[in-house]
Amino acid sequence: MIRWLLVVFIALILFSKLRHWLEKFGLGRLPGDFRFRLFGHEFFVPLASTVVLSLIAMAISKLL
């Protein structure tokens, strides 16, 4: 259980860092991607984009 929480946490950090690059492809602006400001910092939680990217990764792994 702790391992999965760590994986999700790392994935969210990566998505936050790659947000500008992913927005060029339309990810990060889907319904279900949340942005909020708290204490002067902007937080980004890409729930829908995470699902889309995992489906793409699953399709690629099935083809290989």
N, C-alpha and C. Protein backbone atom coordinates (compact mmCIF):
# COMPACT_ATOMS: atom_id res chain seq x y z
N MET A 1 0.83 -1.19 0.00
CA MET A 1 0.00 0.00 0.00
C MET A 1 0.87 1.25 0.00
N ILE A 2 1.90 1.26 0.82
CA ILE A 2 2.80 2.41 0.89
C ILE A 2 3.51 2.58 -0.44
N ARG A 3 3.86 1.48 -1.09
CA ARG A 3 4.56 1.55 -2.37
C ARG A 3 3.69 2.26 -3.42
N TRP A 4 2.40 1.96 -3.47
CA TRP A 4 1.51 2.59 -4.44
C TRP A 4 1.33 4.07 -4.14
N LEU A 5 1.24 4.42 -2.87
CA LEU A 5 1.15 5.84 -2.52
C LEU A 5 2.40 6.59 -2.94
N LEU A 6 3.54 5.98 -2.79
CA LEU A 6 4.79 6.59 -3.22
C LEU A 6 4.83 6.76 -4.73
N VAL A 7 4.37 5.76 -5.48
CA VAL A 7 4.34 5.85 -6.94
C VAL A 7 3.41 6.96 -7.39
N VAL A 8 2.24 7.07 -6.78
CA VAL A 8 1.29 8.13 -7.14
C VAL A 8 1.87 9.50 -6.81
N PHE A 9 2.51 9.62 -5.68
CA PHE A 9 3.12 10.89 -5.27
C PHE A 9 4.21 11.30 -6.26
N ILE A 10 5.06 10.37 -6.66
CA ILE A 10 6.12 10.67 -7.62
C ILE A 10 5.54 11.03 -8.97
N ALA A 11 4.48 10.32 -9.39
CA ALA A 11 3.84 10.64 -10.67
C ALA A 11 3.23 12.04 -10.65
N LEU A 12 2.62 12.43 -9.57
CA LEU A 12 2.05 13.78 -9.47
C LEU A 12 3.14 14.85 -9.51
N ILE A 13 4.27 14.57 -8.89
CA ILE A 13 5.38 15.52 -8.94
C ILE A 13 5.90 15.64 -10.37
N LEU A 14 6.04 14.51 -11.07
CA LEU A 14 6.50 14.55 -12.46
C LEU A 14 5.53 15.31 -13.35
N PHE A 15 4.23 15.07 -13.18
CA PHE A 15 3.24 15.78 -13.98
C PHE A 15 3.28 17.27 -13.70
N SER A 16 3.51 17.63 -12.47
CA SER A 16 3.59 19.05 -12.13
C SER A 16 4.79 19.70 -12.80
N LYS A 17 5.90 19.00 -12.85
CA LYS A 17 7.10 19.54 -13.48
C LYS A 17 6.98 19.58 -15.00
N LEU A 18 6.28 18.61 -15.58
CA LEU A 18 6.14 18.53 -17.04
C LEU A 18 4.87 19.18 -17.55
N ARG A 19 4.20 19.94 -16.70
CA ARG A 19 2.90 20.51 -17.04
C ARG A 19 2.93 21.37 -18.29
N HIS A 20 3.91 22.23 -18.43
CA HIS A 20 3.95 23.14 -19.58
C HIS A 20 4.14 22.36 -20.88
N TRP A 21 4.95 21.32 -20.84
CA TRP A 21 5.17 20.50 -22.03
C TRP A 21 3.92 19.69 -22.38
N LEU A 22 3.24 19.17 -21.35
CA LEU A 22 2.03 18.37 -21.60
C LEU A 22 0.86 19.21 -22.09
N GLU A 23 0.80 20.48 -21.69
CA GLU A 23 -0.29 21.35 -22.14
C GLU A 23 -0.24 21.61 -23.63
N LYS A 24 0.92 21.49 -24.25
CA LYS A 24 1.03 21.64 -25.70
C LYS A 24 0.25 20.55 -26.42
N PHE A 25 0.12 19.38 -25.78
CA PHE A 25 -0.62 18.26 -26.36
C PHE A 25 -2.06 18.18 -25.88
N GLY A 26 -2.50 19.13 -25.09
CA GLY A 26 -3.88 19.17 -24.61
C GLY A 26 -4.08 18.51 -23.26
N LEU A 27 -3.05 17.90 -22.72
CA LEU A 27 -3.18 17.29 -21.39
C LEU A 27 -2.98 18.35 -20.33
N GLY A 28 -3.69 18.23 -19.27
CA GLY A 28 -3.61 19.23 -18.22
C GLY A 28 -4.76 20.22 -18.27
N ARG A 29 -5.54 20.16 -19.33
CA ARG A 29 -6.71 21.03 -19.46
C ARG A 29 -7.99 20.21 -19.60
N LEU A 30 -7.92 18.94 -19.25
CA LEU A 30 -9.09 18.07 -19.34
C LEU A 30 -10.01 18.29 -18.13
N PRO A 31 -11.29 17.97 -18.30
CA PRO A 31 -12.16 18.02 -17.11
C PRO A 31 -11.68 16.95 -16.12
N GLY A 32 -11.45 17.32 -14.92
CA GLY A 32 -10.92 16.41 -13.92
C GLY A 32 -9.50 16.74 -13.54
N ASP A 33 -8.89 17.69 -14.23
CA ASP A 33 -7.57 18.20 -13.85
C ASP A 33 -7.79 19.44 -13.00
N PHE A 34 -7.33 19.40 -11.78
CA PHE A 34 -7.61 20.47 -10.83
C PHE A 34 -6.38 21.35 -10.62
N ARG A 35 -6.62 22.65 -10.54
CA ARG A 35 -5.60 23.64 -10.20
C ARG A 35 -6.15 24.50 -9.09
N PHE A 36 -5.34 24.75 -8.11
CA PHE A 36 -5.77 25.64 -7.03
C PHE A 36 -4.56 26.34 -6.44
N ARG A 37 -4.82 27.50 -5.87
CA ARG A 37 -3.77 28.30 -5.23
C ARG A 37 -3.96 28.21 -3.72
N LEU A 38 -2.85 28.00 -3.04
CA LEU A 38 -2.88 27.88 -1.60
C LEU A 38 -1.60 28.49 -1.05
N PHE A 39 -1.74 29.50 -0.24
CA PHE A 39 -0.61 30.20 0.38
C PHE A 39 0.37 30.75 -0.66
N GLY A 40 -0.15 31.23 -1.78
CA GLY A 40 0.69 31.84 -2.80
C GLY A 40 1.34 30.86 -3.77
N HIS A 41 1.05 29.59 -3.64
CA HIS A 41 1.60 28.58 -4.54
C HIS A 41 0.47 27.97 -5.35
N GLU A 42 0.74 27.66 -6.61
CA GLU A 42 -0.26 27.01 -7.45
C GLU A 42 0.00 25.51 -7.44
N PHE A 43 -1.04 24.75 -7.11
CA PHE A 43 -0.94 23.29 -7.10
C PHE A 43 -1.76 22.75 -8.25
N PHE A 44 -1.27 21.68 -8.83
CA PHE A 44 -1.87 21.09 -10.02
C PHE A 44 -2.06 19.61 -9.76
N VAL A 45 -3.29 19.12 -9.85
CA VAL A 45 -3.60 17.70 -9.64
C VAL A 45 -4.24 17.17 -10.92
N PRO A 46 -3.45 16.49 -11.77
CA PRO A 46 -3.94 16.05 -13.08
C PRO A 46 -4.58 14.66 -13.04
N LEU A 47 -5.77 14.56 -12.49
CA LEU A 47 -6.40 13.24 -12.37
C LEU A 47 -6.80 12.67 -13.73
N ALA A 48 -7.48 13.44 -14.54
CA ALA A 48 -7.92 12.95 -15.85
C ALA A 48 -6.74 12.70 -16.78
N SER A 49 -5.75 13.56 -16.75
CA SER A 49 -4.57 13.37 -17.59
C SER A 49 -3.79 12.12 -17.19
N THR A 50 -3.78 11.82 -15.91
CA THR A 50 -3.11 10.61 -15.43
C THR A 50 -3.80 9.37 -15.98
N VAL A 51 -5.11 9.38 -16.00
CA VAL A 51 -5.86 8.24 -16.54
C VAL A 51 -5.58 8.08 -18.03
N VAL A 52 -5.59 9.18 -18.77
CA VAL A 52 -5.33 9.12 -20.22
C VAL A 52 -3.93 8.61 -20.49
N LEU A 53 -2.94 9.12 -19.78
CA LEU A 53 -1.56 8.67 -20.00
C LEU A 53 -1.36 7.22 -19.60
N SER A 54 -2.04 6.75 -18.58
CA SER A 54 -1.90 5.35 -18.19
C SER A 54 -2.58 4.44 -19.21
N LEU A 55 -3.69 4.88 -19.81
CA LEU A 55 -4.32 4.09 -20.87
C LEU A 55 -3.42 4.01 -22.10
N ILE A 56 -2.75 5.08 -22.43
CA ILE A 56 -1.82 5.08 -23.56
C ILE A 56 -0.65 4.15 -23.27
N ALA A 57 -0.11 4.21 -22.05
CA ALA A 57 1.00 3.34 -21.68
C ALA A 57 0.57 1.87 -21.70
N MET A 58 -0.66 1.58 -21.27
CA MET A 58 -1.15 0.21 -21.28
C MET A 58 -1.32 -0.29 -22.71
N ALA A 59 -1.82 0.55 -23.61
CA ALA A 59 -1.99 0.16 -25.00
C ALA A 59 -0.64 -0.12 -25.66
N ILE A 60 0.35 0.71 -25.35
CA ILE A 60 1.68 0.48 -25.92
C ILE A 60 2.28 -0.80 -25.38
N SER A 61 2.09 -1.08 -24.11
CA SER A 61 2.65 -2.31 -23.53
C SER A 61 1.96 -3.56 -24.09
N LYS A 62 0.68 -3.45 -24.39
CA LYS A 62 -0.04 -4.59 -24.98
C LYS A 62 0.44 -4.87 -26.40
N LEU A 63 0.80 -3.81 -27.13
CA LEU A 63 1.28 -3.98 -28.51
C LEU A 63 2.67 -4.60 -28.54
N LEU A 64 3.47 -4.35 -27.53
CA LEU A 64 4.83 -4.90 -27.50
C LEU A 64 4.79 -6.27 -26.90
